[in-house]
C-alpha atoms as a PDB file:
ATOM      1  CA  MET A   1     107.377 121.650  75.535  1.00  0.00           C
ATOM      2  CA  PRO A   2     110.262 119.186  75.226  1.00  0.00           C
ATOM      3  CA  TYR A   3     111.557 117.073  78.140  1.00  0.00           C
ATOM      4  CA  ASN A   4     115.067 115.800  78.748  1.00  0.00           C
ATOM      5  CA  ARG A   5     115.829 112.099  79.300  1.00  0.00           C
ATOM      6  CA  ARG A   6     114.930 112.387  83.004  1.00  0.00           C
ATOM      7  CA  GLY A   7     111.573 114.029  82.359  1.00  0.00           C
ATOM      8  CA  VAL A   8     112.564 117.615  83.221  1.00  0.00           C
ATOM      9  CA  PRO A   9     110.912 120.152  80.879  1.00  0.00           C
ATOM     10  CA  TYR A  10     112.835 122.868  79.034  1.00  0.00           C
ATOM     11  CA  SER A  11     112.160 125.452  76.331  1.00  0.00           C
ATOM     12  CA  ASN A  12     113.634 125.231  72.855  1.00  0.00           C
ATOM     13  CA  SER A  13     117.025 126.720  73.682  1.00  0.00           C
ATOM     14  CA  THR A  14     120.413 125.295  74.531  1.00  0.00           C
ATOM     15  CA  SER A  15     120.659 127.238  77.795  1.00  0.00           C
ATOM     16  CA  SER A  16     117.249 125.992  78.943  1.00  0.00           C
ATOM     17  CA  LYS A  17     118.175 122.388  78.136  1.00  0.00           C
ATOM     18  CA  ASP A  18     121.513 122.778  79.945  1.00  0.00           C
ATOM     19  CA  ALA A  19     119.715 124.102  83.018  1.00  0.00           C
ATOM     20  CA  ALA A  20     117.171 121.259  82.888  1.00  0.00           C
ATOM     21  CA  ASP A  21     119.980 118.721  82.698  1.00  0.00           C
ATOM     22  CA  LYS A  22     121.397 120.056  85.978  1.00  0.00           C
ATOM     23  CA  LEU A  23     118.106 119.688  87.864  1.00  0.00           C
ATOM     24  CA  PRO A  24     117.193 116.463  89.641  1.00  0.00           C
ATOM     25  CA  SER A  25     114.362 114.507  88.068  1.00  0.00           C
ATOM     26  CA  ARG A  26     110.850 114.798  89.462  1.00  0.00           C
ATOM     27  CA  SER A  27     110.957 111.166  90.589  1.00  0.00           C
ATOM     28  CA  THR A  28     114.226 111.789  92.456  1.00  0.00           C
ATOM     29  CA  CYS A  29     112.669 114.731  94.324  1.00  0.00           C
ATOM     30  CA  TRP A  30     109.517 112.707  94.979  1.00  0.00           C
ATOM     31  CA  ALA A  31     111.551 109.874  96.518  1.00  0.00           C
ATOM     32  CA  GLU A  32     113.627 112.267  98.653  1.00  0.00           C
ATOM     33  CA  VAL A  33     110.506 113.940 100.055  1.00  0.00           C
ATOM     34  CA  TYR A  34     108.856 110.592 100.780  1.00  0.00           C
ATOM     35  CA  ARG A  35     111.955 109.182 102.534  1.00  0.00           C
ATOM     36  CA  TYR A  36     112.363 112.300 104.662  1.00  0.00           C
ATOM     37  CA  ILE A  37     108.725 112.326 105.815  1.00  0.00           C
ATOM     38  CA  ALA A  38     108.665 108.546 106.357  1.00  0.00           C
ATOM     39  CA  LYS A  39     111.837 108.502 108.471  1.00  0.00           C
ATOM     40  CA  ARG A  40     110.390 111.141 110.799  1.00  0.00           C
ATOM     41  CA  GLY A  41     107.691 108.690 111.887  1.00  0.00           C
ATOM     42  CA  ALA A  42     104.746 110.033 113.856  1.00  0.00           C
ATOM     43  CA  HIS A  43     106.508 113.421 114.254  1.00  0.00           C
ATOM     44  CA  GLY A  44     106.168 113.936 110.491  1.00  0.00           C
ATOM     45  CA  ALA A  45     107.225 117.093 108.679  1.00  0.00           C
ATOM     46  CA  THR A  46     105.765 120.342 107.457  1.00  0.00           C
ATOM     47  CA  CYS A  47     106.363 121.538 103.920  1.00  0.00           C
ATOM     48  CA  GLU A  48     108.816 124.138 105.239  1.00  0.00           C
ATOM     49  CA  GLU A  49     110.765 121.462 107.128  1.00  0.00           C
ATOM     50  CA  VAL A  50     110.989 119.433 103.902  1.00  0.00           C
ATOM     51  CA  GLU A  51     112.178 122.531 102.025  1.00  0.00           C
ATOM     52  CA  MET A  52     114.851 123.326 104.595  1.00  0.00           C
ATOM     53  CA  HIS A  53     116.144 119.778 105.125  1.00  0.00           C
ATOM     54  CA  LEU A  54     116.277 118.914 101.421  1.00  0.00           C
ATOM     55  CA  ALA A  55     117.285 122.396 100.203  1.00  0.00           C
ATOM     56  CA  MET A  56     114.266 122.549  97.876  1.00  0.00           C
ATOM     57  CA  ARG A  57     112.318 125.498  96.627  1.00  0.00           C
ATOM     58  CA  HIS A  58     108.812 125.792  98.065  1.00  0.00           C
ATOM     59  CA  GLN A  59     107.200 125.102  94.683  1.00  0.00           C
ATOM     60  CA  THR A  60     109.155 121.875  94.273  1.00  0.00           C
ATOM     61  CA  ALA A  61     108.519 120.571  97.789  1.00  0.00           C
ATOM     62  CA  SER A  62     104.813 121.433  97.840  1.00  0.00           C
ATOM     63  CA  ALA A  63     104.249 119.876  94.405  1.00  0.00           C
ATOM     64  CA  ARG A  64     105.943 116.633  95.468  1.00  0.00           C
ATOM     65  CA  ILE A  65     103.907 116.584  98.696  1.00  0.00           C
ATOM     66  CA  ARG A  66     100.678 116.980  96.673  1.00  0.00           C
ATOM     67  CA  GLU A  67     101.730 114.095  94.418  1.00  0.00           C
ATOM     68  CA  LEU A  68     102.501 111.905  97.439  1.00  0.00           C
ATOM     69  CA  VAL A  69      99.128 112.732  99.001  1.00  0.00           C
ATOM     70  CA  SER A  70      97.318 112.026  95.716  1.00  0.00           C
ATOM     71  CA  GLY A  71      99.162 108.729  95.429  1.00  0.00           C
ATOM     72  CA  GLY A  72      98.224 107.704  98.960  1.00  0.00           C
ATOM     73  CA  ARG A  73     101.844 107.599 100.176  1.00  0.00           C
ATOM     74  CA  ILE A  74     101.563 110.367 102.794  1.00  0.00           C
ATOM     75  CA  ARG A  75      98.643 111.941 104.633  1.00  0.00           C
ATOM     76  CA  ASN A  76      97.707 114.901 106.771  1.00  0.00           C
ATOM     77  CA  SER A  77      98.411 113.848 110.369  1.00  0.00           C
ATOM     78  CA  GLY A  78      95.745 116.174 111.715  1.00  0.00           C
ATOM     79  CA  GLY A  79      98.475 118.058 113.565  1.00  0.00           C
ATOM     80  CA  ARG A  80      99.909 121.483 112.847  1.00  0.00           C
ATOM     81  CA  ARG A  81     103.240 123.085 113.709  1.00  0.00           C
ATOM     82  CA  GLU A  82     104.354 126.694 113.662  1.00  0.00           C
ATOM     83  CA  ASN A  83     106.651 127.626 110.802  1.00  0.00           C
ATOM     84  CA  SER A  84     109.092 130.520 110.357  1.00  0.00           C
ATOM     85  CA  SER A  85     106.307 132.940 109.420  1.00  0.00           C
ATOM     86  CA  GLU A  86     104.660 132.198 112.792  1.00  0.00           C
ATOM     87  CA  ARG A  87     101.724 130.498 111.088  1.00  0.00           C
ATOM     88  CA  THR A  88     100.785 126.901 111.625  1.00  0.00           C
ATOM     89  CA  ALA A  89     101.338 124.370 108.869  1.00  0.00           C
ATOM     90  CA  ILE A  90     100.043 120.865 108.200  1.00  0.00           C
ATOM     91  CA  VAL A  91     102.227 118.060 109.510  1.00  0.00           C
ATOM     92  CA  TRP A  92     102.542 115.299 106.902  1.00  0.00           C
ATOM     93  CA  VAL A  93     103.196 111.666 107.859  1.00  0.00           C
ATOM     94  CA  LYS A  94     103.600 108.370 106.039  1.00  0.00           C
ATOM     95  CA  ALA A  95     100.125 107.097 105.123  1.00  0.00           C
ATOM     96  CA  SER A  96     100.446 103.709 106.831  1.00  0.00           C
ATOM     97  CA  GLN A  97     100.878 105.286 110.284  1.00  0.00           C
END
C-alpha cells in the first residue's frame, strides 16, 4: 500500500490519494491527543472525551491512545468515568503524573 508524503496510506487510485491528502497525519493526531490529555492534568480524559473534543473518529482516537500508552507517554489513571453509553471508561492521564 502506498503512503503520501505525510505517511497517510491510500490505495492505487487518484480519489484515494486525494482523500489521504486531506487527512491529518498520524503524528499530528498523536500530538493532538497527547496535548489534550496532558492539559487535563489529574482529571485526564476518556477515549470518548478525546473523540468529542478533537472531533476524531473512535478508531483514530483509540489507536492514538494505544500508541501513546505503548510509548509510555500516557497511562491508565486507575479511574473510570461514565460515557454516553452509560458504561464506564478508562481515564487516561499523562504518564509522569
